[in-house]
N, C-alpha and C. Protein backbone atom coordinates (compact mmCIF):
# COMPACT_ATOMS: atom_id res chain seq x y z
N UNK A 1 0.83 -1.17 0.00
CA UNK A 1 0.00 0.00 0.00
C UNK A 1 0.89 1.25 0.00
N UNK A 2 1.66 1.42 1.05
CA UNK A 2 2.59 2.54 1.09
C UNK A 2 3.99 1.98 0.88
N UNK A 3 4.77 2.69 0.10
CA UNK A 3 6.14 2.25 -0.15
C UNK A 3 7.07 3.07 0.74
N UNK A 4 7.06 2.72 2.03
CA UNK A 4 7.88 3.45 3.01
C UNK A 4 8.95 2.51 3.53
N UNK A 5 10.18 2.94 3.43
CA UNK A 5 11.30 2.15 3.90
C UNK A 5 11.66 2.47 5.33
N UNK A 6 12.72 1.84 5.80
CA UNK A 6 13.17 2.02 7.18
C UNK A 6 13.55 3.46 7.48
N UNK A 7 14.31 4.09 6.58
CA UNK A 7 14.78 5.44 6.84
C UNK A 7 13.63 6.45 6.86
N UNK A 8 12.64 6.23 6.02
CA UNK A 8 11.47 7.12 6.03
C UNK A 8 10.71 6.98 7.35
N UNK A 9 10.54 5.74 7.81
CA UNK A 9 9.86 5.52 9.09
C UNK A 9 10.64 6.14 10.25
N UNK A 10 11.95 6.02 10.21
CA UNK A 10 12.79 6.62 11.25
C UNK A 10 12.65 8.14 11.24
N UNK A 11 12.66 8.74 10.07
CA UNK A 11 12.49 10.19 9.96
C UNK A 11 11.13 10.63 10.48
N UNK A 12 10.06 9.91 10.13
CA UNK A 12 8.71 10.21 10.62
C UNK A 12 8.67 10.09 12.14
N UNK A 13 9.31 9.07 12.68
CA UNK A 13 9.35 8.87 14.13
C UNK A 13 10.06 10.00 14.85
N UNK A 14 11.18 10.44 14.31
CA UNK A 14 11.95 11.54 14.92
C UNK A 14 11.13 12.83 14.87
N UNK A 15 10.51 13.11 13.73
CA UNK A 15 9.69 14.31 13.61
C UNK A 15 8.52 14.26 14.58
N UNK A 16 7.86 13.10 14.68
CA UNK A 16 6.74 12.96 15.62
C UNK A 16 7.21 13.15 17.06
N UNK A 17 8.37 12.63 17.38
CA UNK A 17 8.91 12.78 18.73
C UNK A 17 9.20 14.25 19.05
N UNK A 18 9.74 14.97 18.08
CA UNK A 18 10.06 16.39 18.28
C UNK A 18 8.77 17.21 18.39
N UNK A 19 7.80 16.94 17.51
CA UNK A 19 6.57 17.73 17.49
C UNK A 19 5.68 17.41 18.69
N UNK A 20 5.47 16.14 18.96
CA UNK A 20 4.53 15.74 20.02
C UNK A 20 5.19 15.65 21.40
N UNK A 21 6.42 15.31 21.41
CA UNK A 21 7.10 15.12 22.69
C UNK A 21 6.92 13.70 23.17
N UNK A 22 7.77 13.27 24.11
CA UNK A 22 7.72 11.88 24.58
C UNK A 22 6.46 11.56 25.40
N UNK A 23 5.79 12.58 25.94
CA UNK A 23 4.61 12.31 26.77
C UNK A 23 3.39 11.97 25.91
N UNK A 24 3.21 12.68 24.82
CA UNK A 24 2.01 12.50 24.00
C UNK A 24 2.19 11.52 22.84
N UNK A 25 3.39 11.11 22.54
CA UNK A 25 3.65 10.23 21.40
C UNK A 25 2.95 8.87 21.53
N UNK A 26 3.02 8.18 22.68
CA UNK A 26 2.32 6.88 22.78
C UNK A 26 0.81 7.00 22.56
N UNK A 27 0.19 8.04 23.10
CA UNK A 27 -1.24 8.24 22.91
C UNK A 27 -1.58 8.51 21.45
N UNK A 28 -0.74 9.30 20.78
CA UNK A 28 -0.96 9.60 19.37
C UNK A 28 -0.82 8.34 18.52
N UNK A 29 0.14 7.48 18.88
CA UNK A 29 0.33 6.23 18.14
C UNK A 29 -0.87 5.31 18.32
N UNK A 30 -1.40 5.23 19.55
CA UNK A 30 -2.59 4.41 19.80
C UNK A 30 -3.78 4.93 19.02
N UNK A 31 -3.96 6.24 19.03
CA UNK A 31 -5.08 6.85 18.30
C UNK A 31 -4.95 6.60 16.80
N UNK A 32 -3.75 6.75 16.29
CA UNK A 32 -3.51 6.51 14.87
C UNK A 32 -3.77 5.04 14.51
N UNK A 33 -3.31 4.13 15.33
CA UNK A 33 -3.53 2.70 15.08
C UNK A 33 -5.02 2.37 15.13
N UNK A 34 -5.74 2.95 16.09
CA UNK A 34 -7.17 2.73 16.21
C UNK A 34 -7.92 3.25 14.98
N UNK A 35 -7.51 4.42 14.50
CA UNK A 35 -8.13 5.01 13.32
C UNK A 35 -7.87 4.16 12.08
N UNK A 36 -6.65 3.71 11.91
CA UNK A 36 -6.32 2.86 10.77
C UNK A 36 -7.10 1.55 10.82
N UNK A 37 -7.22 0.97 12.02
CA UNK A 37 -7.98 -0.26 12.18
C UNK A 37 -9.45 -0.06 11.80
N UNK A 38 -10.04 1.04 12.24
CA UNK A 38 -11.45 1.28 11.92
C UNK A 38 -11.63 1.54 10.43
N UNK A 39 -10.69 2.21 9.79
CA UNK A 39 -10.77 2.45 8.34
C UNK A 39 -10.67 1.13 7.59
N UNK A 40 -9.79 0.25 8.02
CA UNK A 40 -9.67 -1.07 7.37
C UNK A 40 -10.95 -1.88 7.54
N UNK A 41 -11.55 -1.83 8.73
CA UNK A 41 -12.80 -2.57 8.96
C UNK A 41 -13.92 -2.02 8.09
N UNK A 42 -14.00 -0.70 7.95
CA UNK A 42 -15.01 -0.11 7.09
C UNK A 42 -14.79 -0.51 5.63
N UNK A 43 -13.53 -0.51 5.20
CA UNK A 43 -13.21 -0.89 3.82
C UNK A 43 -13.56 -2.35 3.58
N UNK A 44 -13.27 -3.21 4.54
CA UNK A 44 -13.61 -4.63 4.41
C UNK A 44 -15.12 -4.82 4.35
N UNK A 45 -15.85 -4.12 5.22
CA UNK A 45 -17.31 -4.21 5.20
C UNK A 45 -17.88 -3.71 3.90
N UNK A 46 -17.35 -2.62 3.39
CA UNK A 46 -17.82 -2.07 2.11
C UNK A 46 -17.55 -3.05 0.98
N UNK A 47 -16.36 -3.64 0.97
CA UNK A 47 -16.01 -4.60 -0.09
C UNK A 47 -16.93 -5.81 -0.04
N UNK A 48 -17.20 -6.33 1.16
CA UNK A 48 -18.08 -7.48 1.30
C UNK A 48 -19.50 -7.15 0.84
N UNK A 49 -19.96 -5.96 1.16
CA UNK A 49 -21.30 -5.55 0.76
C UNK A 49 -21.40 -5.43 -0.76
N UNK A 50 -20.37 -4.86 -1.39
CA UNK A 50 -20.37 -4.73 -2.85
C UNK A 50 -20.33 -6.11 -3.50
N UNK A 51 -19.50 -7.01 -2.97
CA UNK A 51 -19.43 -8.36 -3.53
C UNK A 51 -20.78 -9.06 -3.41
N UNK A 52 -21.46 -8.89 -2.28
CA UNK A 52 -22.76 -9.51 -2.08
C UNK A 52 -23.78 -8.93 -3.07
N UNK A 53 -23.76 -7.62 -3.27
CA UNK A 53 -24.69 -7.01 -4.21
C UNK A 53 -24.43 -7.48 -5.63
N UNK A 54 -23.15 -7.61 -6.01
CA UNK A 54 -22.82 -8.11 -7.34
C UNK A 54 -23.29 -9.55 -7.52
N UNK A 55 -23.13 -10.34 -6.48
CA UNK A 55 -23.58 -11.74 -6.55
C UNK A 55 -25.10 -11.82 -6.67
N UNK A 56 -25.81 -10.97 -5.92
CA UNK A 56 -27.26 -10.95 -6.02
C UNK A 56 -27.71 -10.50 -7.40
N UNK A 57 -27.02 -9.52 -7.96
CA UNK A 57 -27.36 -9.05 -9.30
C UNK A 57 -27.15 -10.15 -10.33
N UNK A 58 -26.05 -10.89 -10.19
CA UNK A 58 -25.77 -12.00 -11.10
C UNK A 58 -26.85 -13.07 -10.99
N UNK A 59 -27.26 -13.38 -9.75
CA UNK A 59 -28.30 -14.38 -9.56
C UNK A 59 -29.63 -13.89 -10.15
N UNK A 60 -29.91 -12.60 -10.02
CA UNK A 60 -31.13 -12.03 -10.59
C UNK A 60 -31.13 -12.15 -12.11
N UNK A 61 -29.99 -11.84 -12.72
CA UNK A 61 -29.88 -11.97 -14.17
C UNK A 61 -30.03 -13.43 -14.61
N UNK A 62 -29.43 -14.35 -13.85
CA UNK A 62 -29.57 -15.76 -14.17
C UNK A 62 -31.02 -16.22 -14.05
N UNK A 63 -31.73 -15.71 -13.07
CA UNK A 63 -33.14 -16.07 -12.91
C UNK A 63 -33.96 -15.55 -14.08
N UNK A 64 -33.67 -14.35 -14.54
CA UNK A 64 -34.38 -13.82 -15.71
C UNK A 64 -34.12 -14.69 -16.94
N UNK A 65 -32.87 -15.11 -17.12
CA UNK A 65 -32.54 -16.00 -18.25
C UNK A 65 -33.31 -17.30 -18.13
N UNK A 66 -33.38 -17.84 -16.92
CA UNK A 66 -34.08 -19.10 -16.70
C UNK A 66 -35.58 -18.94 -16.97
N UNK A 67 -36.14 -17.80 -16.58
CA UNK A 67 -37.57 -17.56 -16.85
C UNK A 67 -37.83 -17.47 -18.34
N UNK A 68 -36.91 -16.88 -19.10
CA UNK A 68 -37.07 -16.79 -20.55
C UNK A 68 -37.07 -18.18 -21.18
N UNK A 69 -36.33 -19.09 -20.58
CA UNK A 69 -36.27 -20.47 -21.09
C UNK A 69 -37.35 -21.35 -20.48
N UNK A 70 -38.29 -20.74 -19.76
CA UNK A 70 -39.39 -21.46 -19.10
C UNK A 70 -38.90 -22.53 -18.13
N UNK A 71 -37.76 -22.28 -17.51
CA UNK A 71 -37.17 -23.17 -16.51
C UNK A 71 -36.88 -24.57 -17.05
N UNK A 72 -36.67 -24.69 -18.33
CA UNK A 72 -36.39 -25.99 -18.95
C UNK A 72 -35.06 -25.91 -19.70
N UNK A 73 -34.34 -27.03 -19.71
CA UNK A 73 -33.07 -27.15 -20.44
C UNK A 73 -32.11 -26.00 -20.10
N UNK A 74 -31.90 -25.81 -18.81
CA UNK A 74 -31.05 -24.72 -18.36
C UNK A 74 -29.59 -25.13 -18.38
N UNK A 75 -28.74 -24.16 -18.62
CA UNK A 75 -27.30 -24.39 -18.51
C UNK A 75 -26.97 -24.68 -17.05
N UNK A 76 -25.90 -25.40 -16.79
CA UNK A 76 -25.57 -25.77 -15.40
C UNK A 76 -25.46 -24.58 -14.45
N UNK A 77 -24.84 -23.47 -14.90
CA UNK A 77 -24.70 -22.32 -14.00
C UNK A 77 -26.06 -21.66 -13.73
N UNK A 78 -26.96 -21.68 -14.73
CA UNK A 78 -28.30 -21.15 -14.50
C UNK A 78 -29.07 -22.04 -13.54
N UNK A 79 -28.96 -23.35 -13.72
CA UNK A 79 -29.65 -24.28 -12.85
C UNK A 79 -29.14 -24.15 -11.42
N UNK A 80 -27.85 -23.95 -11.27
CA UNK A 80 -27.28 -23.79 -9.93
C UNK A 80 -27.83 -22.53 -9.25
N UNK A 81 -27.93 -21.44 -10.00
CA UNK A 81 -28.49 -20.21 -9.43
C UNK A 81 -29.95 -20.38 -9.05
N UNK A 82 -30.70 -21.04 -9.90
CA UNK A 82 -32.12 -21.28 -9.61
C UNK A 82 -32.26 -22.15 -8.37
N UNK A 83 -31.47 -23.20 -8.28
CA UNK A 83 -31.52 -24.09 -7.11
C UNK A 83 -31.15 -23.32 -5.84
N UNK A 84 -30.15 -22.46 -5.94
CA UNK A 84 -29.73 -21.68 -4.78
C UNK A 84 -30.83 -20.71 -4.34
N UNK A 85 -31.50 -20.11 -5.30
CA UNK A 85 -32.61 -19.21 -4.97
C UNK A 85 -33.78 -19.98 -4.36
N UNK A 86 -34.06 -21.16 -4.88
CA UNK A 86 -35.14 -21.98 -4.31
C UNK A 86 -34.82 -22.37 -2.87
N UNK A 87 -33.59 -22.75 -2.62
CA UNK A 87 -33.18 -23.13 -1.27
C UNK A 87 -33.26 -21.93 -0.32
N UNK A 88 -32.87 -20.77 -0.81
CA UNK A 88 -32.97 -19.56 0.02
C UNK A 88 -34.43 -19.26 0.34
N UNK A 89 -35.30 -19.43 -0.64
CA UNK A 89 -36.73 -19.19 -0.40
C UNK A 89 -37.28 -20.19 0.62
N UNK A 90 -36.87 -21.45 0.52
CA UNK A 90 -37.32 -22.45 1.49
C UNK A 90 -36.82 -22.12 2.90
N UNK A 91 -35.58 -21.68 3.01
CA UNK A 91 -35.03 -21.38 4.34
C UNK A 91 -35.70 -20.16 4.96
N UNK A 92 -36.16 -19.24 4.13
CA UNK A 92 -36.88 -18.08 4.65
C UNK A 92 -38.26 -18.48 5.13
N UNK A 93 -38.89 -19.43 4.44
CA UNK A 93 -40.25 -19.85 4.79
C UNK A 93 -40.29 -20.76 6.01
N UNK A 94 -39.23 -21.48 6.31
CA UNK A 94 -39.22 -22.45 7.41
C UNK A 94 -39.61 -21.84 8.75
N UNK A 95 -39.09 -20.69 9.15
CA UNK A 95 -39.48 -20.17 10.47
C UNK A 95 -40.97 -19.81 10.57
N UNK A 96 -41.62 -19.59 9.43
CA UNK A 96 -43.01 -19.17 9.43
C UNK A 96 -43.99 -20.31 9.25
N UNK A 97 -43.47 -21.50 8.92
CA UNK A 97 -44.34 -22.66 8.74
C UNK A 97 -44.70 -23.23 10.10
N UNK A 98 -45.96 -23.66 10.22
CA UNK A 98 -46.40 -24.30 11.48
C UNK A 98 -46.13 -25.79 11.40
N UNK A 99 -45.73 -26.34 12.53
CA UNK A 99 -45.43 -27.78 12.57
C UNK A 99 -46.67 -28.60 12.76
């Protein structure tokens, strides 16, 4: 991500030590680490959400193709998407069915 070598890190550390002082430097490092961690978590969550939306869109397109073919003689990937959607529909209905 960043192309920072040892000497650059050392220079940043010395500048931070001079600017912040030895008393505030550990707190600033913790705050910076916490901020970077939260940014990474947000980026990971965003990426997962986008991947899920793309997968849902692909399944929706596959379902439309399957409907055009009247659900007969489907290609394996279309049949897999249809089966996955049927299973998802069954799993959603299970909690609402009476025994």
